[in-house]
């Protein structure tokens, strides 16, 4: 039986994205790609390059090789908190990649400072 590698990859990325609680837009932002590219890839309509596979894996905080595995992953616990920067990333999605990265870096630095003051 022949496996459609593009469909299998797309299904795996969708599974990992959903288990991480990410929208298409959030993953696209993290991977510095267009949401329609991610959507096409998840539907098996894109032949993904190695560079883009690495960017998508980084956006999912996953090993690129894990995207090619077909066994299901353990679902994320409902008690786990989502990444606190998801909503910020979504709100900033219309800015340039450089501007988004600058703003996120500033937000992370501010968060670290606030945590130090609370302790």
N, C-alpha and C. Protein backbone atom coordinates (compact mmCIF):
# COMPACT_ATOMS: atom_id res chain seq x y z
N UNK A 1 0.84 -1.18 0.00
CA UNK A 1 0.00 0.00 0.00
C UNK A 1 0.89 1.25 0.00
N UNK A 2 0.63 2.16 -0.91
CA UNK A 2 1.43 3.38 -1.04
C UNK A 2 0.85 4.47 -0.15
N UNK A 3 1.71 5.13 0.62
CA UNK A 3 1.28 6.20 1.51
C UNK A 3 1.53 7.53 0.83
N UNK A 4 0.55 8.42 0.88
CA UNK A 4 0.74 9.77 0.36
C UNK A 4 1.48 10.57 1.42
N UNK A 5 2.77 10.78 1.18
CA UNK A 5 3.63 11.43 2.18
C UNK A 5 3.17 12.85 2.49
N UNK A 6 2.67 13.58 1.48
CA UNK A 6 2.22 14.95 1.72
C UNK A 6 1.01 14.97 2.63
N UNK A 7 0.06 14.04 2.41
CA UNK A 7 -1.13 13.98 3.26
C UNK A 7 -0.77 13.54 4.67
N UNK A 8 0.16 12.58 4.79
CA UNK A 8 0.57 12.10 6.11
C UNK A 8 1.28 13.21 6.88
N UNK A 9 2.16 13.96 6.21
CA UNK A 9 2.84 15.07 6.85
C UNK A 9 1.84 16.13 7.29
N UNK A 10 0.92 16.46 6.41
CA UNK A 10 -0.09 17.47 6.75
C UNK A 10 -0.94 17.07 7.94
N UNK A 11 -1.35 15.81 7.96
CA UNK A 11 -2.16 15.32 9.08
C UNK A 11 -1.37 15.37 10.38
N UNK A 12 -0.09 15.04 10.30
CA UNK A 12 0.76 15.05 11.50
C UNK A 12 0.95 16.48 12.03
N UNK A 13 1.19 17.42 11.12
CA UNK A 13 1.35 18.81 11.53
C UNK A 13 0.06 19.33 12.15
N UNK A 14 -1.08 19.01 11.53
CA UNK A 14 -2.37 19.43 12.08
C UNK A 14 -2.57 18.85 13.49
N UNK A 15 -2.23 17.58 13.66
CA UNK A 15 -2.36 16.93 14.96
C UNK A 15 -1.50 17.64 16.01
N UNK A 16 -0.25 17.90 15.67
CA UNK A 16 0.65 18.57 16.62
C UNK A 16 0.21 20.01 16.90
N UNK A 17 -0.24 20.70 15.85
CA UNK A 17 -0.69 22.09 16.02
C UNK A 17 -1.89 22.14 16.95
N UNK A 18 -2.85 21.28 16.71
CA UNK A 18 -4.06 21.27 17.56
C UNK A 18 -3.75 20.85 18.99
N UNK A 19 -2.87 19.86 19.14
CA UNK A 19 -2.54 19.42 20.51
C UNK A 19 -1.79 20.50 21.27
N UNK A 20 -1.11 21.39 20.53
CA UNK A 20 -0.42 22.52 21.17
C UNK A 20 -1.37 23.69 21.40
N UNK A 21 -2.61 23.58 20.93
CA UNK A 21 -3.58 24.65 21.11
C UNK A 21 -3.34 25.84 20.20
N UNK A 22 -2.73 25.61 19.05
CA UNK A 22 -2.42 26.70 18.12
C UNK A 22 -3.42 26.77 16.97
N UNK A 23 -3.72 27.97 16.53
CA UNK A 23 -4.49 28.16 15.31
C UNK A 23 -3.52 28.12 14.13
N UNK A 24 -4.09 28.01 12.93
CA UNK A 24 -3.25 28.09 11.73
C UNK A 24 -2.45 29.38 11.72
N UNK A 25 -3.10 30.47 12.08
CA UNK A 25 -2.44 31.78 12.06
C UNK A 25 -1.30 31.85 13.06
N UNK A 26 -1.50 31.26 14.24
CA UNK A 26 -0.45 31.28 15.26
C UNK A 26 0.76 30.47 14.81
N UNK A 27 0.51 29.29 14.23
CA UNK A 27 1.63 28.50 13.73
C UNK A 27 2.32 29.22 12.58
N UNK A 28 1.55 29.81 11.69
CA UNK A 28 2.14 30.55 10.57
C UNK A 28 3.02 31.69 11.08
N UNK A 29 2.55 32.39 12.10
CA UNK A 29 3.34 33.47 12.68
C UNK A 29 4.64 32.94 13.26
N UNK A 30 4.54 31.87 14.04
CA UNK A 30 5.73 31.29 14.65
C UNK A 30 6.74 30.80 13.61
N UNK A 31 6.23 30.29 12.48
CA UNK A 31 7.10 29.75 11.44
C UNK A 31 7.48 30.80 10.41
N UNK A 32 6.99 32.01 10.56
CA UNK A 32 7.22 33.10 9.61
C UNK A 32 6.80 32.69 8.20
N UNK A 33 5.57 32.16 8.13
CA UNK A 33 5.01 31.70 6.86
C UNK A 33 3.59 32.26 6.75
N UNK A 34 2.98 32.11 5.57
CA UNK A 34 1.62 32.58 5.37
C UNK A 34 0.65 31.50 5.84
N UNK A 35 -0.46 31.89 6.50
CA UNK A 35 -1.42 30.89 6.97
C UNK A 35 -1.97 30.00 5.86
N UNK A 36 -2.13 30.54 4.65
CA UNK A 36 -2.67 29.70 3.56
C UNK A 36 -1.67 28.61 3.18
N UNK A 37 -0.37 28.88 3.33
CA UNK A 37 0.64 27.85 3.06
C UNK A 37 0.49 26.71 4.06
N UNK A 38 0.34 27.05 5.33
CA UNK A 38 0.17 26.03 6.38
C UNK A 38 -1.10 25.23 6.11
N UNK A 39 -2.19 25.91 5.78
CA UNK A 39 -3.45 25.23 5.49
C UNK A 39 -3.33 24.29 4.31
N UNK A 40 -2.71 24.75 3.23
CA UNK A 40 -2.50 23.89 2.06
C UNK A 40 -1.64 22.68 2.41
N UNK A 41 -0.61 22.91 3.20
CA UNK A 41 0.27 21.83 3.60
C UNK A 41 -0.48 20.80 4.46
N UNK A 42 -1.31 21.29 5.38
CA UNK A 42 -2.07 20.37 6.24
C UNK A 42 -3.06 19.54 5.43
N UNK A 43 -3.54 20.06 4.30
CA UNK A 43 -4.45 19.32 3.45
C UNK A 43 -3.72 18.44 2.43
N UNK A 44 -2.39 18.42 2.51
CA UNK A 44 -1.60 17.59 1.60
C UNK A 44 -1.48 18.17 0.21
N UNK A 45 -1.67 19.47 0.07
CA UNK A 45 -1.64 20.13 -1.24
C UNK A 45 -0.32 20.85 -1.50
N UNK A 46 0.63 20.76 -0.61
CA UNK A 46 1.93 21.42 -0.76
C UNK A 46 3.04 20.38 -0.66
N UNK A 47 4.04 20.53 -1.49
CA UNK A 47 5.25 19.73 -1.40
C UNK A 47 6.25 20.57 -0.61
N UNK A 48 6.38 20.30 0.66
CA UNK A 48 7.14 21.14 1.59
C UNK A 48 8.64 20.93 1.41
N UNK A 49 9.38 22.03 1.36
CA UNK A 49 10.85 21.94 1.29
C UNK A 49 11.40 21.63 2.67
N UNK A 50 12.65 21.20 2.71
CA UNK A 50 13.28 20.92 4.00
C UNK A 50 13.38 22.17 4.85
N UNK A 51 13.65 23.31 4.22
CA UNK A 51 13.74 24.57 4.96
C UNK A 51 12.39 24.89 5.62
N UNK A 52 11.31 24.73 4.87
CA UNK A 52 9.99 25.02 5.43
C UNK A 52 9.59 23.99 6.48
N UNK A 53 10.00 22.74 6.29
CA UNK A 53 9.74 21.71 7.30
C UNK A 53 10.42 22.09 8.62
N UNK A 54 11.64 22.59 8.53
CA UNK A 54 12.37 23.01 9.73
C UNK A 54 11.69 24.21 10.39
N UNK A 55 11.19 25.16 9.59
CA UNK A 55 10.51 26.33 10.15
C UNK A 55 9.21 25.94 10.85
N UNK A 56 8.48 25.02 10.24
CA UNK A 56 7.22 24.55 10.84
C UNK A 56 7.51 23.81 12.14
N UNK A 57 8.53 22.94 12.11
CA UNK A 57 8.90 22.20 13.33
C UNK A 57 9.29 23.17 14.43
N UNK A 58 10.06 24.20 14.10
CA UNK A 58 10.46 25.19 15.12
C UNK A 58 9.22 25.90 15.67
N UNK A 59 8.26 26.21 14.80
CA UNK A 59 7.02 26.85 15.24
C UNK A 59 6.22 25.98 16.19
N UNK A 60 6.37 24.67 16.03
CA UNK A 60 5.66 23.71 16.90
C UNK A 60 6.52 23.29 18.09
N UNK A 61 7.75 23.82 18.18
CA UNK A 61 8.71 23.40 19.21
C UNK A 61 8.88 21.88 19.16
N UNK A 62 9.07 21.37 17.94
CA UNK A 62 9.19 19.93 17.73
C UNK A 62 10.44 19.63 16.90
N UNK A 63 10.88 18.41 16.97
CA UNK A 63 11.98 17.94 16.14
C UNK A 63 11.44 17.74 14.72
N UNK A 64 12.15 18.21 13.69
CA UNK A 64 11.66 18.05 12.32
C UNK A 64 11.35 16.59 11.97
N UNK A 65 12.13 15.66 12.47
CA UNK A 65 11.87 14.25 12.20
C UNK A 65 10.56 13.76 12.79
N UNK A 66 10.12 14.38 13.88
CA UNK A 66 8.86 13.95 14.51
C UNK A 66 7.65 14.27 13.64
N UNK A 67 7.82 15.21 12.69
CA UNK A 67 6.71 15.53 11.80
C UNK A 67 6.45 14.42 10.79
N UNK A 68 7.43 13.56 10.59
CA UNK A 68 7.27 12.48 9.63
C UNK A 68 6.79 11.18 10.27
N UNK A 69 6.68 11.15 11.58
CA UNK A 69 6.18 9.97 12.28
C UNK A 69 4.66 9.95 12.20
N UNK A 70 4.10 8.76 12.07
CA UNK A 70 2.65 8.67 11.88
C UNK A 70 1.89 8.19 13.11
N UNK A 71 2.59 7.75 14.16
CA UNK A 71 1.85 7.32 15.35
C UNK A 71 1.31 8.55 16.08
N UNK A 72 0.11 8.44 16.66
CA UNK A 72 -0.49 9.60 17.33
C UNK A 72 0.28 10.01 18.57
N UNK A 73 0.28 11.31 18.82
CA UNK A 73 0.94 11.87 19.99
C UNK A 73 -0.04 11.91 21.16
N UNK A 74 0.51 11.91 22.36
CA UNK A 74 -0.29 12.06 23.57
C UNK A 74 -0.90 13.46 23.58
N UNK A 75 -2.19 13.53 23.82
CA UNK A 75 -2.88 14.82 23.85
C UNK A 75 -2.40 15.65 25.04
N UNK A 76 -2.38 16.95 24.85
CA UNK A 76 -1.96 17.86 25.91
C UNK A 76 -3.03 17.88 27.01
N UNK A 77 -2.58 17.88 28.22
CA UNK A 77 -3.48 17.92 29.36
C UNK A 77 -4.23 19.26 29.40
N UNK A 78 -5.50 19.21 29.80
CA UNK A 78 -6.28 20.45 29.90
C UNK A 78 -5.73 21.35 31.00
N UNK A 79 -4.96 20.80 31.93
CA UNK A 79 -4.40 21.60 33.01
C UNK A 79 -3.21 22.43 32.54
N UNK A 80 -2.58 22.02 31.42
CA UNK A 80 -1.44 22.77 30.91
C UNK A 80 -1.90 24.13 30.41
N UNK A 81 -1.15 25.14 30.74
CA UNK A 81 -1.48 26.48 30.28
C UNK A 81 -0.90 26.70 28.90
N UNK A 82 -1.64 27.38 28.01
CA UNK A 82 -1.07 27.69 26.70
C UNK A 82 0.04 28.72 26.82
N UNK A 83 0.87 28.79 25.80
CA UNK A 83 1.96 29.76 25.76
C UNK A 83 1.36 31.15 25.94
N UNK A 84 1.84 31.95 26.89
CA UNK A 84 1.23 33.26 27.15
C UNK A 84 1.41 34.25 26.01
N UNK A 85 2.25 33.94 25.06
CA UNK A 85 2.48 34.86 23.97
C UNK A 85 1.64 34.56 22.73
N UNK A 86 0.77 33.54 22.79
CA UNK A 86 -0.08 33.19 21.64
C UNK A 86 -0.96 34.35 21.21
N UNK A 87 -1.69 34.92 22.14
CA UNK A 87 -2.62 36.00 21.77
C UNK A 87 -1.87 37.23 21.28
N UNK A 88 -0.72 37.50 21.87
CA UNK A 88 0.10 38.62 21.40
C UNK A 88 0.59 38.34 19.98
N UNK A 89 1.04 37.13 19.73
CA UNK A 89 1.52 36.78 18.40
C UNK A 89 0.40 36.90 17.37
N UNK A 90 -0.78 36.48 17.75
CA UNK A 90 -1.91 36.58 16.83
C UNK A 90 -2.25 38.04 16.53
N UNK A 91 -2.22 38.87 17.56
CA UNK A 91 -2.53 40.29 17.37
C UNK A 91 -1.50 41.00 16.51
N UNK A 92 -0.28 40.52 16.54
CA UNK A 92 0.80 41.18 15.80
C UNK A 92 1.02 40.60 14.40
N UNK A 93 0.19 39.68 13.98
CA UNK A 93 0.43 38.93 12.74
C UNK A 93 0.48 39.80 11.48
N UNK A 94 -0.04 41.01 11.52
CA UNK A 94 -0.02 41.86 10.34
C UNK A 94 1.24 42.72 10.24
N UNK A 95 2.10 42.68 11.26
CA UNK A 95 3.35 43.43 11.23
C UNK A 95 4.42 42.63 10.49
N UNK A 96 5.51 43.28 10.16
CA UNK A 96 6.62 42.59 9.51
C UNK A 96 7.25 41.61 10.48
N UNK A 97 7.97 40.64 9.95
CA UNK A 97 8.61 39.63 10.79
C UNK A 97 9.60 40.27 11.76
N UNK A 98 10.34 41.25 11.29
CA UNK A 98 11.32 41.92 12.16
C UNK A 98 10.62 42.68 13.29
N UNK A 99 9.52 43.37 12.97
CA UNK A 99 8.77 44.10 14.00
C UNK A 99 8.16 43.14 15.01
N UNK A 100 7.61 42.03 14.52
CA UNK A 100 7.01 41.04 15.43
C UNK A 100 8.06 40.50 16.39
N UNK A 101 9.23 40.15 15.85
CA UNK A 101 10.27 39.59 16.70
C UNK A 101 10.74 40.61 17.74
N UNK A 102 10.90 41.86 17.34
CA UNK A 102 11.31 42.91 18.26
C UNK A 102 10.29 43.05 19.39
N UNK A 103 9.02 43.12 19.05
CA UNK A 103 7.98 43.30 20.06
C UNK A 103 7.92 42.11 21.00
N UNK A 104 8.00 40.89 20.45
CA UNK A 104 7.97 39.70 21.30
C UNK A 104 9.19 39.66 22.23
N UNK A 105 10.35 40.03 21.73
CA UNK A 105 11.55 40.06 22.58
C UNK A 105 11.38 41.06 23.71
N UNK A 106 10.80 42.21 23.41
CA UNK A 106 10.58 43.22 24.44
C UNK A 106 9.58 42.71 25.48
N UNK A 107 8.53 42.03 25.03
CA UNK A 107 7.53 41.50 25.95
C UNK A 107 8.14 40.43 26.86
N UNK A 108 8.98 39.58 26.29
CA UNK A 108 9.64 38.55 27.10
C UNK A 108 10.58 39.17 28.13
N UNK A 109 11.31 40.19 27.73
CA UNK A 109 12.21 40.87 28.67
C UNK A 109 11.41 41.52 29.80
N UNK A 110 10.31 42.14 29.47
CA UNK A 110 9.46 42.76 30.48
C UNK A 110 8.90 41.70 31.43
N UNK A 111 8.50 40.57 30.89
CA UNK A 111 7.98 39.49 31.71
C UNK A 111 9.04 38.99 32.70
N UNK A 112 10.28 38.84 32.22
CA UNK A 112 11.36 38.40 33.12
C UNK A 112 11.58 39.41 34.24
N UNK A 113 11.56 40.69 33.91
CA UNK A 113 11.75 41.74 34.93
C UNK A 113 10.64 41.69 35.97
N UNK A 114 9.41 41.52 35.49
CA UNK A 114 8.28 41.47 36.41
C UNK A 114 8.37 40.26 37.33
N UNK A 115 8.79 39.12 36.81
CA UNK A 115 8.92 37.92 37.63
C UNK A 115 9.97 38.12 38.71
N UNK A 116 11.07 38.80 38.37
CA UNK A 116 12.12 39.06 39.37
C UNK A 116 11.60 39.96 40.49
N UNK A 117 10.76 40.93 40.16
CA UNK A 117 10.22 41.84 41.17
C UNK A 117 9.24 41.14 42.08
N UNK A 118 8.50 40.18 41.54
CA UNK A 118 7.51 39.46 42.33
C UNK A 118 8.19 38.56 43.34
N UNK A 119 9.32 37.98 43.00
CA UNK A 119 10.04 37.07 43.92
C UNK A 119 10.57 37.83 45.05
